[in-house]
C-alpha cells in the first residue's frame, strides 16, 4: 500500500489517541475507586474506545506495509492534536513554547513524509 495513504491513516490514529487523552483527563477528575464507579465512568469508556481505534489503525498500517521509521513519527502529531483539544475542551492555555514545539513537530513530520514518498 502507498506510504502516503498509510501516513494519512496514522494522522487519523494520532487524532483518536489525542481524543483518548482528553477523555482520560476528564475521567480521572471524577474517578472513584469502586467497581461501579469505574464501570459507569463514561469518560474512561471513551478513552478505551478512542485508544482502541487508534491501535487498530496502527496495526492495519503495519500490516499493509507501513514503515516504523515513517509511522512512529507521524503518531507524534497526537501531541499537537492533544494540545489543541486541551485548549478547546479543557480550557488549557497554549504558550509560545508549546507553539514553537508544535511547529517543530509539524516540520519534522513533513520532512519524514516527504522522504517516505521519494
N, C-alpha and C. Protein backbone atom coordinates (compact mmCIF):
# COMPACT_ATOMS: atom_id res chain seq x y z
N UNK A 1 0.84 -1.17 0.00
CA UNK A 1 0.00 0.00 0.00
C UNK A 1 0.89 1.24 0.00
N UNK A 2 0.42 2.29 -0.58
CA UNK A 2 1.13 3.55 -0.68
C UNK A 2 1.44 4.12 0.71
N UNK A 3 2.69 4.52 0.94
CA UNK A 3 3.09 5.07 2.24
C UNK A 3 2.33 6.35 2.58
N UNK A 4 1.94 7.11 1.58
CA UNK A 4 1.19 8.34 1.81
C UNK A 4 -0.19 8.03 2.39
N UNK A 5 -0.84 7.00 1.88
CA UNK A 5 -2.15 6.58 2.40
C UNK A 5 -2.00 6.10 3.84
N UNK A 6 -0.97 5.32 4.09
CA UNK A 6 -0.72 4.82 5.44
C UNK A 6 -0.44 5.99 6.39
N UNK A 7 0.32 6.97 5.92
CA UNK A 7 0.59 8.14 6.76
C UNK A 7 -0.70 8.90 7.07
N UNK A 8 -1.59 9.01 6.11
CA UNK A 8 -2.88 9.65 6.36
C UNK A 8 -3.67 8.92 7.42
N UNK A 9 -3.65 7.60 7.34
CA UNK A 9 -4.34 6.80 8.35
C UNK A 9 -3.71 7.01 9.73
N UNK A 10 -2.40 7.18 9.77
CA UNK A 10 -1.72 7.41 11.06
C UNK A 10 -2.05 8.77 11.64
N UNK A 11 -2.30 9.75 10.78
CA UNK A 11 -2.75 11.05 11.26
C UNK A 11 -4.10 10.89 11.97
N UNK A 12 -4.98 10.10 11.37
CA UNK A 12 -6.28 9.83 11.99
C UNK A 12 -6.07 9.09 13.32
N UNK A 13 -5.17 8.12 13.33
CA UNK A 13 -4.88 7.38 14.57
C UNK A 13 -4.34 8.32 15.64
N UNK A 14 -3.50 9.27 15.25
CA UNK A 14 -2.97 10.24 16.20
C UNK A 14 -4.08 11.11 16.78
N UNK A 15 -5.02 11.50 15.93
CA UNK A 15 -6.16 12.28 16.41
C UNK A 15 -6.99 11.48 17.40
N UNK A 16 -7.25 10.22 17.09
CA UNK A 16 -8.00 9.37 18.03
C UNK A 16 -7.25 9.22 19.35
N UNK A 17 -5.94 9.09 19.28
CA UNK A 17 -5.14 9.00 20.51
C UNK A 17 -5.26 10.25 21.35
N UNK A 18 -5.25 11.41 20.71
CA UNK A 18 -5.40 12.68 21.44
C UNK A 18 -6.80 12.79 22.05
N UNK A 19 -7.81 12.36 21.31
CA UNK A 19 -9.17 12.34 21.86
C UNK A 19 -9.22 11.45 23.10
N UNK A 20 -8.54 10.32 23.02
CA UNK A 20 -8.48 9.41 24.16
C UNK A 20 -7.84 10.07 25.37
N UNK A 21 -6.79 10.86 25.15
CA UNK A 21 -6.13 11.56 26.25
C UNK A 21 -7.06 12.57 26.92
N UNK A 22 -7.85 13.27 26.14
CA UNK A 22 -8.80 14.23 26.70
C UNK A 22 -9.84 13.49 27.54
N UNK A 23 -10.33 12.37 27.02
CA UNK A 23 -11.31 11.57 27.78
C UNK A 23 -10.69 11.02 29.06
N UNK A 24 -9.44 10.59 29.01
CA UNK A 24 -8.76 10.09 30.20
C UNK A 24 -8.61 11.19 31.24
N UNK A 25 -8.27 12.38 30.79
CA UNK A 25 -8.15 13.51 31.72
C UNK A 25 -9.48 13.79 32.42
N UNK A 26 -10.55 13.87 31.62
CA UNK A 26 -11.86 14.15 32.20
C UNK A 26 -12.32 13.01 33.10
N UNK A 27 -12.05 11.78 32.70
CA UNK A 27 -12.45 10.63 33.50
C UNK A 27 -11.70 10.53 34.81
N UNK A 28 -10.43 10.93 34.80
CA UNK A 28 -9.64 10.84 36.02
C UNK A 28 -10.08 11.87 37.06
N UNK A 29 -10.66 12.97 36.59
CA UNK A 29 -11.12 14.02 37.51
C UNK A 29 -12.32 13.56 38.33
N UNK A 30 -13.12 12.67 37.79
CA UNK A 30 -14.30 12.19 38.51
C UNK A 30 -14.14 10.74 38.98
N UNK A 31 -12.91 10.26 38.92
CA UNK A 31 -12.64 8.86 39.25
C UNK A 31 -12.86 8.57 40.73
N UNK A 32 -13.56 7.50 40.98
CA UNK A 32 -13.73 6.97 42.33
C UNK A 32 -13.27 5.53 42.29
N UNK A 33 -12.67 5.09 43.37
CA UNK A 33 -12.12 3.73 43.40
C UNK A 33 -13.14 2.72 43.89
N UNK A 34 -14.16 2.53 43.09
CA UNK A 34 -15.12 1.46 43.33
C UNK A 34 -15.46 0.85 41.98
N UNK A 35 -15.79 -0.39 41.99
CA UNK A 35 -16.08 -1.09 40.73
C UNK A 35 -17.22 -0.44 39.97
N UNK A 36 -18.28 -0.09 40.66
CA UNK A 36 -19.44 0.53 40.00
C UNK A 36 -19.05 1.88 39.40
N UNK A 37 -18.26 2.67 40.14
CA UNK A 37 -17.84 3.98 39.63
C UNK A 37 -16.95 3.82 38.39
N UNK A 38 -16.10 2.82 38.40
CA UNK A 38 -15.25 2.58 37.23
C UNK A 38 -16.07 2.16 36.02
N UNK A 39 -17.05 1.29 36.25
CA UNK A 39 -17.88 0.79 35.15
C UNK A 39 -18.74 1.90 34.56
N UNK A 40 -19.20 2.83 35.38
CA UNK A 40 -20.10 3.88 34.90
C UNK A 40 -19.39 5.18 34.55
N UNK A 41 -18.08 5.19 34.56
CA UNK A 41 -17.31 6.38 34.18
C UNK A 41 -17.20 6.38 32.65
N UNK A 42 -18.11 7.10 31.99
CA UNK A 42 -18.19 7.05 30.53
C UNK A 42 -16.97 7.69 29.87
N UNK A 43 -16.31 8.58 30.57
CA UNK A 43 -15.09 9.15 30.01
C UNK A 43 -14.02 8.08 29.86
N UNK A 44 -13.93 7.19 30.83
CA UNK A 44 -12.94 6.10 30.72
C UNK A 44 -13.31 5.15 29.59
N UNK A 45 -14.59 4.93 29.38
CA UNK A 45 -15.03 4.12 28.24
C UNK A 45 -14.66 4.82 26.93
N UNK A 46 -14.84 6.15 26.90
CA UNK A 46 -14.46 6.91 25.71
C UNK A 46 -12.96 6.84 25.45
N UNK A 47 -12.17 6.90 26.53
CA UNK A 47 -10.72 6.74 26.41
C UNK A 47 -10.39 5.40 25.76
N UNK A 48 -10.99 4.32 26.28
CA UNK A 48 -10.72 2.98 25.75
C UNK A 48 -11.16 2.88 24.28
N UNK A 49 -12.29 3.48 23.96
CA UNK A 49 -12.81 3.44 22.59
C UNK A 49 -11.85 4.15 21.62
N UNK A 50 -11.49 5.40 21.95
CA UNK A 50 -10.62 6.16 21.04
C UNK A 50 -9.23 5.54 20.94
N UNK A 51 -8.67 5.12 22.07
CA UNK A 51 -7.36 4.49 22.02
C UNK A 51 -7.41 3.18 21.24
N UNK A 52 -8.49 2.44 21.44
CA UNK A 52 -8.66 1.18 20.70
C UNK A 52 -8.70 1.41 19.20
N UNK A 53 -9.43 2.44 18.77
CA UNK A 53 -9.47 2.76 17.34
C UNK A 53 -8.08 3.12 16.82
N UNK A 54 -7.36 3.90 17.60
CA UNK A 54 -6.01 4.27 17.20
C UNK A 54 -5.10 3.06 17.06
N UNK A 55 -5.22 2.13 17.99
CA UNK A 55 -4.39 0.92 17.94
C UNK A 55 -4.75 0.07 16.72
N UNK A 56 -6.03 -0.07 16.45
CA UNK A 56 -6.47 -0.85 15.28
C UNK A 56 -5.93 -0.24 13.99
N UNK A 57 -5.98 1.08 13.89
CA UNK A 57 -5.44 1.74 12.70
C UNK A 57 -3.93 1.54 12.60
N UNK A 58 -3.23 1.62 13.74
CA UNK A 58 -1.79 1.36 13.74
C UNK A 58 -1.48 -0.05 13.27
N UNK A 59 -2.20 -1.01 13.77
CA UNK A 59 -1.99 -2.40 13.36
C UNK A 59 -2.19 -2.54 11.85
N UNK A 60 -3.26 -1.93 11.35
CA UNK A 60 -3.53 -2.00 9.90
C UNK A 60 -2.40 -1.34 9.11
N UNK A 61 -1.90 -0.22 9.62
CA UNK A 61 -0.80 0.46 8.93
C UNK A 61 0.43 -0.42 8.80
N UNK A 62 0.77 -1.10 9.90
CA UNK A 62 1.92 -2.01 9.83
C UNK A 62 1.62 -3.23 8.95
N UNK A 63 0.40 -3.73 9.05
CA UNK A 63 0.01 -4.91 8.28
C UNK A 63 0.13 -4.65 6.78
N UNK A 64 -0.22 -3.44 6.35
CA UNK A 64 -0.23 -3.14 4.93
C UNK A 64 1.06 -2.46 4.47
N UNK A 65 2.15 -2.69 5.19
CA UNK A 65 3.45 -2.28 4.70
C UNK A 65 4.00 -0.97 5.22
N UNK A 66 3.37 -0.41 6.24
CA UNK A 66 3.89 0.82 6.81
C UNK A 66 5.25 0.62 7.44
N UNK A 67 6.11 1.59 7.28
CA UNK A 67 7.46 1.52 7.83
C UNK A 67 7.45 2.16 9.22
N UNK A 68 8.09 1.50 10.18
CA UNK A 68 8.17 2.04 11.54
C UNK A 68 8.81 3.42 11.53
N UNK A 69 9.82 3.59 10.69
CA UNK A 69 10.54 4.86 10.64
C UNK A 69 9.66 6.00 10.09
N UNK A 70 8.54 5.67 9.48
CA UNK A 70 7.61 6.67 8.99
C UNK A 70 6.40 6.78 9.90
N UNK A 71 5.82 5.65 10.26
CA UNK A 71 4.59 5.64 11.05
C UNK A 71 4.80 6.25 12.44
N UNK A 72 5.84 5.85 13.12
CA UNK A 72 6.00 6.28 14.50
C UNK A 72 6.15 7.80 14.63
N UNK A 73 6.94 8.45 13.79
CA UNK A 73 6.99 9.92 13.88
C UNK A 73 5.65 10.59 13.57
N UNK A 74 4.87 10.02 12.67
CA UNK A 74 3.58 10.62 12.34
C UNK A 74 2.66 10.57 13.57
N UNK A 75 2.78 9.53 14.37
CA UNK A 75 1.97 9.42 15.58
C UNK A 75 2.29 10.57 16.54
N UNK A 76 3.48 11.19 16.41
CA UNK A 76 3.81 12.32 17.28
C UNK A 76 2.87 13.50 17.07
N UNK A 77 2.12 13.49 15.98
CA UNK A 77 1.12 14.53 15.77
C UNK A 77 0.05 14.51 16.86
N UNK A 78 -0.05 13.41 17.59
CA UNK A 78 -1.02 13.36 18.68
C UNK A 78 -0.72 14.44 19.71
N UNK A 79 0.56 14.84 19.88
CA UNK A 79 0.90 15.94 20.79
C UNK A 79 0.22 17.23 20.35
N UNK A 80 0.23 17.47 19.06
CA UNK A 80 -0.38 18.68 18.52
C UNK A 80 -1.89 18.63 18.70
N UNK A 81 -2.49 17.52 18.33
CA UNK A 81 -3.94 17.37 18.49
C UNK A 81 -4.34 17.49 19.95
N UNK A 82 -3.57 16.88 20.84
CA UNK A 82 -3.89 16.92 22.27
C UNK A 82 -3.80 18.35 22.80
N UNK A 83 -2.79 19.10 22.38
CA UNK A 83 -2.67 20.49 22.83
C UNK A 83 -3.87 21.32 22.37
N UNK A 84 -4.25 21.15 21.11
CA UNK A 84 -5.40 21.90 20.61
C UNK A 84 -6.68 21.49 21.33
N UNK A 85 -6.91 20.18 21.49
CA UNK A 85 -8.12 19.71 22.16
C UNK A 85 -8.15 20.14 23.63
N UNK A 86 -6.99 20.15 24.29
CA UNK A 86 -6.92 20.59 25.69
C UNK A 86 -7.27 22.07 25.79
N UNK A 87 -6.81 22.84 24.83
CA UNK A 87 -7.15 24.26 24.79
C UNK A 87 -8.66 24.44 24.57
N UNK A 88 -9.19 23.68 23.63
CA UNK A 88 -10.60 23.83 23.25
C UNK A 88 -11.56 23.29 24.31
N UNK A 89 -11.28 22.10 24.86
CA UNK A 89 -12.24 21.44 25.72
C UNK A 89 -11.90 21.46 27.20
N UNK A 90 -10.65 21.74 27.54
CA UNK A 90 -10.26 21.75 28.95
C UNK A 90 -9.87 23.14 29.44
N UNK A 91 -9.84 24.10 28.51
CA UNK A 91 -9.51 25.46 28.89
C UNK A 91 -8.05 25.69 29.20
N UNK A 92 -7.18 24.80 28.76
CA UNK A 92 -5.75 24.96 28.99
C UNK A 92 -5.19 26.03 28.06
N UNK A 93 -4.20 26.76 28.55
CA UNK A 93 -3.58 27.78 27.71
C UNK A 93 -2.40 27.17 26.96
N UNK A 94 -2.15 27.74 25.80
CA UNK A 94 -1.03 27.28 24.97
C UNK A 94 -0.06 28.46 24.86
N UNK A 95 1.14 28.29 25.41
CA UNK A 95 2.12 29.38 25.39
C UNK A 95 3.01 29.29 24.15
N UNK A 96 3.91 30.25 24.04
CA UNK A 96 4.76 30.31 22.85
C UNK A 96 5.71 29.11 22.76
N UNK A 97 6.13 28.55 23.88
CA UNK A 97 6.99 27.36 23.85
C UNK A 97 6.22 26.18 23.26
N UNK A 98 4.97 26.05 23.64
CA UNK A 98 4.14 24.95 23.10
C UNK A 98 3.95 25.14 21.61
N UNK A 99 3.66 26.38 21.19
CA UNK A 99 3.50 26.63 19.75
C UNK A 99 4.79 26.36 19.00
N UNK A 100 5.93 26.76 19.58
CA UNK A 100 7.22 26.50 18.94
C UNK A 100 7.47 25.01 18.78
N UNK A 101 7.21 24.25 19.82
CA UNK A 101 7.37 22.79 19.75
C UNK A 101 6.43 22.18 18.72
N UNK A 102 5.23 22.73 18.65
CA UNK A 102 4.24 22.24 17.68
C UNK A 102 4.75 22.44 16.25
N UNK A 103 5.30 23.60 15.99
CA UNK A 103 5.84 23.88 14.65
C UNK A 103 6.98 22.93 14.33
N UNK A 104 7.85 22.69 15.29
CA UNK A 104 8.99 21.77 15.07
C UNK A 104 8.48 20.36 14.77
N UNK A 105 7.49 19.89 15.53
CA UNK A 105 6.93 18.56 15.28
C UNK A 105 6.34 18.49 13.87
N UNK A 106 5.57 19.52 13.50
CA UNK A 106 4.94 19.51 12.18
C UNK A 106 5.99 19.51 11.06
N UNK A 107 7.05 20.29 11.24
CA UNK A 107 8.11 20.31 10.22
C UNK A 107 8.80 18.95 10.13
N UNK A 108 9.06 18.34 11.27
CA UNK A 108 9.70 17.03 11.27
C UNK A 108 8.85 15.99 10.58
N UNK A 109 7.55 15.99 10.87
CA UNK A 109 6.66 15.03 10.22
C UNK A 109 6.58 15.30 8.73
N UNK A 110 6.57 16.56 8.33
CA UNK A 110 6.52 16.90 6.91
C UNK A 110 7.78 16.40 6.19
N UNK A 111 8.94 16.58 6.82
CA UNK A 111 10.19 16.13 6.22
C UNK A 111 10.18 14.60 6.08
N UNK A 112 9.75 13.92 7.11
CA UNK A 112 9.69 12.44 7.06
C UNK A 112 8.69 12.00 6.00
N UNK A 113 7.55 12.68 5.95
CA UNK A 113 6.54 12.34 4.95
C UNK A 113 7.05 12.53 3.53
N UNK A 114 7.75 13.63 3.32
CA UNK A 114 8.33 13.88 2.00
C UNK A 114 9.33 12.79 1.65
N UNK A 115 10.15 12.42 2.60
CA UNK A 115 11.13 11.37 2.36
C UNK A 115 10.51 10.02 2.09
N UNK A 116 9.36 9.76 2.69
CA UNK A 116 8.68 8.47 2.51
C UNK A 116 8.11 8.33 1.11
N UNK A 117 7.83 9.47 0.46
CA UNK A 117 7.24 9.40 -0.88
C UNK A 117 8.30 9.37 -1.97
N UNK A 118 9.55 9.50 -1.62
CA UNK A 118 10.64 9.52 -2.61
C UNK A 118 11.07 8.11 -2.95
